[in-house]
Amino acid sequence: MQSVKEPSPSGVKEKFSGAGNSRAALDRTAEGGNPYIRAKGPRVTNSKAHFFTLNEIDAQRAAGNKLYKEFLRVPAMSAGLYVLPPGGTDPQRPHHEDELYYVVRGRARFRAGDEDREISAGTVLFVAAEVEHRFYDIKEEIAVLVFFAPAES
């Protein structure tokens, strides 16, 4: 189990035992708030439920000029929004965690291992840990909700 240390007043970023200083881990305190919730906004603590809107997550992602915006992190899972433009290139590599994708909008092709399919809004994809996969031939901007289990390392 990972141990979380709150940032010091001097702004020193947290360290996680057994996980090194991953980018995702360091980003959690860089944005402040609950150590499990990385979305910017009011600090939410001791809550059993958290509410998000895709518009807010997408705006935060775009403001940071990033393809991916993680908005939830608990030990058992993490979740984010991944957006790729038409004709764009998917730079991801295989992950150490199982992954579930839900396509919110757009059209493209998706390859995972030996499987290759056309994907569009409403498509749900599962990719096992360590399997090579990527979106390609992106015809319309795709926005995909991504769920990692356990949380992405």
C-alpha atoms as a PDB file:
ATOM      1  CA  MET A   1       0.000   0.000   0.000  1.00  0.00           C
ATOM      2  CA  GLN A   2       1.273   3.462  -0.834  1.00  0.00           C
ATOM      3  CA  SER A   3       1.794   6.002   1.890  1.00  0.00           C
ATOM      4  CA  VAL A   4       0.956   9.631   1.206  1.00  0.00           C
ATOM      5  CA  LYS A   5       2.805  12.529   2.772  1.00  0.00           C
ATOM      6  CA  GLU A   6       1.223  15.973   2.567  1.00  0.00           C
ATOM      7  CA  PRO A   7       3.388  18.638   0.886  1.00  0.00           C
ATOM      8  CA  SER A   8       5.456  20.809   3.147  1.00  0.00           C
ATOM      9  CA  PRO A   9       4.772  24.543   3.351  1.00  0.00           C
ATOM     10  CA  SER A  10       7.868  25.101   1.213  1.00  0.00           C
ATOM     11  CA  GLY A  11       6.133  23.344  -1.687  1.00  0.00           C
ATOM     12  CA  VAL A  12       8.237  20.177  -1.647  1.00  0.00           C
ATOM     13  CA  LYS A  13       6.359  17.489  -3.538  1.00  0.00           C
ATOM     14  CA  GLU A  14       5.260  14.220  -1.955  1.00  0.00           C
ATOM     15  CA  LYS A  15       7.063  10.900  -2.155  1.00  0.00           C
ATOM     16  CA  PHE A  16       5.345   7.537  -2.307  1.00  0.00           C
ATOM     17  CA  SER A  17       6.937   4.494  -0.713  1.00  0.00           C
ATOM     18  CA  GLY A  18       7.299   1.642  -3.155  1.00  0.00           C
ATOM     19  CA  ALA A  19       6.246   3.694  -6.181  1.00  0.00           C
ATOM     20  CA  GLY A  20       9.092   6.135  -6.732  1.00  0.00           C
ATOM     21  CA  ASN A  21       8.321   9.659  -7.837  1.00  0.00           C
ATOM     22  CA  SER A  22       5.968   9.019 -10.747  1.00  0.00           C
ATOM     23  CA  ARG A  23       4.628  11.991 -12.690  1.00  0.00           C
ATOM     24  CA  ALA A  24       1.080  11.137 -11.683  1.00  0.00           C
ATOM     25  CA  ALA A  25       2.031  10.900  -8.021  1.00  0.00           C
ATOM     26  CA  LEU A  26       3.832  14.227  -8.062  1.00  0.00           C
ATOM     27  CA  ASP A  27       0.997  15.971  -9.889  1.00  0.00           C
ATOM     28  CA  ARG A  28      -1.431  15.136  -7.096  1.00  0.00           C
ATOM     29  CA  THR A  29       0.127  17.566  -4.662  1.00  0.00           C
ATOM     30  CA  ALA A  30       1.130  20.058  -7.323  1.00  0.00           C
ATOM     31  CA  GLU A  31      -2.587  20.740  -7.814  1.00  0.00           C
ATOM     32  CA  GLY A  32      -3.380  20.625  -4.094  1.00  0.00           C
ATOM     33  CA  GLY A  33      -6.519  19.255  -2.523  1.00  0.00           C
ATOM     34  CA  ASN A  34      -7.407  15.691  -1.653  1.00  0.00           C
ATOM     35  CA  PRO A  35      -4.454  13.366  -2.283  1.00  0.00           C
ATOM     36  CA  TYR A  36      -6.763  11.068  -4.268  1.00  0.00           C
ATOM     37  CA  ILE A  37      -8.542  13.678  -6.403  1.00  0.00           C
ATOM     38  CA  ARG A  38      -6.436  15.546  -8.948  1.00  0.00           C
ATOM     39  CA  ALA A  39      -9.123  17.691 -10.577  1.00  0.00           C
ATOM     40  CA  LYS A  40      -8.617  21.392  -9.882  1.00  0.00           C
ATOM     41  CA  GLY A  41     -11.275  23.054  -7.821  1.00  0.00           C
ATOM     42  CA  PRO A  42     -12.407  23.088  -4.222  1.00  0.00           C
ATOM     43  CA  ARG A  43     -10.757  20.652  -1.863  1.00  0.00           C
ATOM     44  CA  VAL A  44     -13.006  17.668  -1.157  1.00  0.00           C
ATOM     45  CA  THR A  45     -12.144  15.486   1.810  1.00  0.00           C
ATOM     46  CA  ASN A  46     -13.791  12.635   3.686  1.00  0.00           C
ATOM     47  CA  SER A  47     -16.454  12.320   1.010  1.00  0.00           C
ATOM     48  CA  LYS A  48     -17.813   9.000  -0.192  1.00  0.00           C
ATOM     49  CA  ALA A  49     -18.887  10.438  -3.545  1.00  0.00           C
ATOM     50  CA  HIS A  50     -17.358  12.891  -6.002  1.00  0.00           C
ATOM     51  CA  PHE A  51     -19.108  14.476  -8.969  1.00  0.00           C
ATOM     52  CA  PHE A  52     -17.447  15.534 -12.218  1.00  0.00           C
ATOM     53  CA  THR A  53     -18.653  16.916 -15.548  1.00  0.00           C
ATOM     54  CA  LEU A  54     -16.980  16.111 -18.836  1.00  0.00           C
ATOM     55  CA  ASN A  55     -17.117  19.778 -19.864  1.00  0.00           C
ATOM     56  CA  GLU A  56     -15.126  20.846 -16.780  1.00  0.00           C
ATOM     57  CA  ILE A  57     -12.592  18.020 -17.151  1.00  0.00           C
ATOM     58  CA  ASP A  58     -12.186  18.756 -20.866  1.00  0.00           C
ATOM     59  CA  ALA A  59     -11.705  22.485 -20.188  1.00  0.00           C
ATOM     60  CA  GLN A  60      -8.990  21.721 -17.603  1.00  0.00           C
ATOM     61  CA  ARG A  61      -7.299  19.326 -20.029  1.00  0.00           C
ATOM     62  CA  ALA A  62      -7.383  21.864 -22.856  1.00  0.00           C
ATOM     63  CA  ALA A  63      -6.162  24.707 -20.605  1.00  0.00           C
ATOM     64  CA  GLY A  64      -3.128  22.573 -19.743  1.00  0.00           C
ATOM     65  CA  ASN A  65      -2.577  21.815 -23.447  1.00  0.00           C
ATOM     66  CA  LYS A  66      -2.554  18.077 -22.658  1.00  0.00           C
ATOM     67  CA  LEU A  67      -4.028  15.012 -24.349  1.00  0.00           C
ATOM     68  CA  TYR A  68      -4.902  13.350 -21.021  1.00  0.00           C
ATOM     69  CA  LYS A  69      -6.410  14.733 -17.811  1.00  0.00           C
ATOM     70  CA  GLU A  70      -6.657  12.419 -14.821  1.00  0.00           C
ATOM     71  CA  PHE A  71      -9.574  13.469 -12.625  1.00  0.00           C
ATOM     72  CA  LEU A  72      -9.842  10.619 -10.120  1.00  0.00           C
ATOM     73  CA  ARG A  73      -7.340   8.506  -8.226  1.00  0.00           C
ATOM     74  CA  VAL A  74      -8.025   6.010  -5.456  1.00  0.00           C
ATOM     75  CA  PRO A  75      -5.891   2.940  -4.769  1.00  0.00           C
ATOM     76  CA  ALA A  76      -8.208   0.567  -6.648  1.00  0.00           C
ATOM     77  CA  MET A  77      -8.570   2.689  -9.796  1.00  0.00           C
ATOM     78  CA  SER A  78      -7.870   5.929 -11.590  1.00  0.00           C
ATOM     79  CA  ALA A  79      -9.840   7.705 -14.301  1.00  0.00           C
ATOM     80  CA  GLY A  80      -9.132  10.357 -16.877  1.00  0.00           C
ATOM     81  CA  LEU A  81     -10.237  11.948 -20.116  1.00  0.00           C
ATOM     82  CA  TYR A  82      -8.098  11.321 -23.212  1.00  0.00           C
ATOM     83  CA  VAL A  83      -8.629  13.459 -26.332  1.00  0.00           C
ATOM     84  CA  LEU A  84      -6.917  13.080 -29.706  1.00  0.00           C
ATOM     85  CA  PRO A  85      -7.419  15.428 -32.686  1.00  0.00           C
ATOM     86  CA  PRO A  86      -8.340  14.336 -36.228  1.00  0.00           C
ATOM     87  CA  GLY A  87      -5.233  12.923 -37.904  1.00  0.00           C
ATOM     88  CA  GLY A  88      -3.452  12.899 -34.529  1.00  0.00           C
ATOM     89  CA  THR A  89      -0.984  10.333 -33.250  1.00  0.00           C
ATOM     90  CA  ASP A  90      -1.613   8.270 -30.128  1.00  0.00           C
ATOM     91  CA  PRO A  91       1.698   8.243 -28.187  1.00  0.00           C
ATOM     92  CA  GLN A  92       0.660   5.803 -25.444  1.00  0.00           C
ATOM     93  CA  ARG A  93       2.560   2.644 -24.548  1.00  0.00           C
ATOM     94  CA  PRO A  94       1.327  -0.511 -22.824  1.00  0.00           C
ATOM     95  CA  HIS A  95       0.337   0.036 -19.196  1.00  0.00           C
ATOM     96  CA  HIS A  96       0.924  -2.126 -16.131  1.00  0.00           C
ATOM     97  CA  GLU A  97      -2.801  -1.950 -15.310  1.00  0.00           C
ATOM     98  CA  ASP A  98      -5.975  -3.237 -16.948  1.00  0.00           C
ATOM     99  CA  GLU A  99      -7.779  -0.482 -18.814  1.00  0.00           C
ATOM    100  CA  LEU A 100     -11.366   0.239 -19.776  1.00  0.00           C
ATOM    101  CA  TYR A 101     -12.212   2.888 -22.384  1.00  0.00           C
ATOM    102  CA  TYR A 102     -15.587   4.482 -23.073  1.00  0.00           C
ATOM    103  CA  VAL A 103     -15.682   6.542 -26.291  1.00  0.00           C
ATOM    104  CA  VAL A 104     -17.632   9.741 -25.602  1.00  0.00           C
ATOM    105  CA  ARG A 105     -17.319  11.271 -29.080  1.00  0.00           C
ATOM    106  CA  GLY A 106     -15.461  10.916 -32.369  1.00  0.00           C
ATOM    107  CA  ARG A 107     -14.457   8.242 -34.865  1.00  0.00           C
ATOM    108  CA  ALA A 108     -11.180   6.366 -35.288  1.00  0.00           C
ATOM    109  CA  ARG A 109      -9.690   2.894 -35.445  1.00  0.00           C
ATOM    110  CA  PHE A 110      -8.288   1.045 -32.460  1.00  0.00           C
ATOM    111  CA  ARG A 111      -5.770  -1.765 -32.373  1.00  0.00           C
ATOM    112  CA  ALA A 112      -5.088  -3.914 -29.305  1.00  0.00           C
ATOM    113  CA  GLY A 113      -2.899  -6.962 -29.807  1.00  0.00           C
ATOM    114  CA  ASP A 114      -4.325  -8.773 -32.866  1.00  0.00           C
ATOM    115  CA  GLU A 115      -7.710  -7.029 -32.657  1.00  0.00           C
ATOM    116  CA  ASP A 116      -8.461  -4.041 -34.896  1.00  0.00           C
ATOM    117  CA  ARG A 117     -11.809  -2.242 -34.981  1.00  0.00           C
ATOM    118  CA  GLU A 118     -13.556   0.958 -35.991  1.00  0.00           C
ATOM    119  CA  ILE A 119     -14.649   2.840 -32.868  1.00  0.00           C
ATOM    120  CA  SER A 120     -17.152   5.658 -32.336  1.00  0.00           C
ATOM    121  CA  ALA A 121     -19.277   7.245 -29.599  1.00  0.00           C
ATOM    122  CA  GLY A 122     -20.682   4.574 -27.318  1.00  0.00           C
ATOM    123  CA  THR A 123     -17.932   2.007 -27.928  1.00  0.00           C
ATOM    124  CA  VAL A 124     -16.551   0.329 -24.802  1.00  0.00           C
ATOM    125  CA  LEU A 125     -13.080  -1.247 -24.999  1.00  0.00           C
ATOM    126  CA  PHE A 126     -11.166  -3.406 -22.526  1.00  0.00           C
ATOM    127  CA  VAL A 127      -7.390  -3.779 -22.787  1.00  0.00           C
ATOM    128  CA  ALA A 128      -5.524  -6.130 -20.458  1.00  0.00           C
ATOM    129  CA  ALA A 129      -2.354  -4.946 -18.752  1.00  0.00           C
ATOM    130  CA  GLU A 130       0.828  -4.991 -20.889  1.00  0.00           C
ATOM    131  CA  VAL A 131      -1.035  -5.324 -24.236  1.00  0.00           C
ATOM    132  CA  GLU A 132       0.206  -3.026 -27.008  1.00  0.00           C
ATOM    133  CA  HIS A 133      -2.667  -0.779 -28.137  1.00  0.00           C
ATOM    134  CA  ARG A 134      -3.413   2.552 -29.788  1.00  0.00           C
ATOM    135  CA  PHE A 135      -5.951   4.749 -31.534  1.00  0.00           C
ATOM    136  CA  TYR A 136      -5.163   5.593 -35.161  1.00  0.00           C
ATOM    137  CA  ASP A 137      -6.773   6.822 -38.390  1.00  0.00           C
ATOM    138  CA  ILE A 138      -8.607   9.429 -36.321  1.00  0.00           C
ATOM    139  CA  LYS A 139     -11.368  10.829 -38.548  1.00  0.00           C
ATOM    140  CA  GLU A 140     -13.092  13.040 -35.930  1.00  0.00           C
ATOM    141  CA  GLU A 141     -11.659  14.250 -32.630  1.00  0.00           C
ATOM    142  CA  ILE A 142     -12.061  11.401 -30.170  1.00  0.00           C
ATOM    143  CA  ALA A 143     -12.739  11.901 -26.476  1.00  0.00           C
ATOM    144  CA  VAL A 144     -12.397   8.795 -24.362  1.00  0.00           C
ATOM    145  CA  LEU A 145     -13.014   8.171 -20.679  1.00  0.00           C
ATOM    146  CA  VAL A 146     -10.188   5.950 -19.427  1.00  0.00           C
ATOM    147  CA  PHE A 147     -10.382   3.776 -16.301  1.00  0.00           C
ATOM    148  CA  PHE A 148      -7.289   2.016 -14.923  1.00  0.00           C
ATOM    149  CA  ALA A 149      -7.493  -0.779 -12.340  1.00  0.00           C
ATOM    150  CA  PRO A 150      -5.634  -0.623 -10.079  1.00  0.00           C
ATOM    151  CA  ALA A 151      -4.729   3.074 -10.305  1.00  0.00           C
ATOM    152  CA  GLU A 152      -2.247   3.896 -13.058  1.00  0.00           C
ATOM    153  CA  SER A 153       1.335   3.827 -11.809  1.00  0.00           C
END
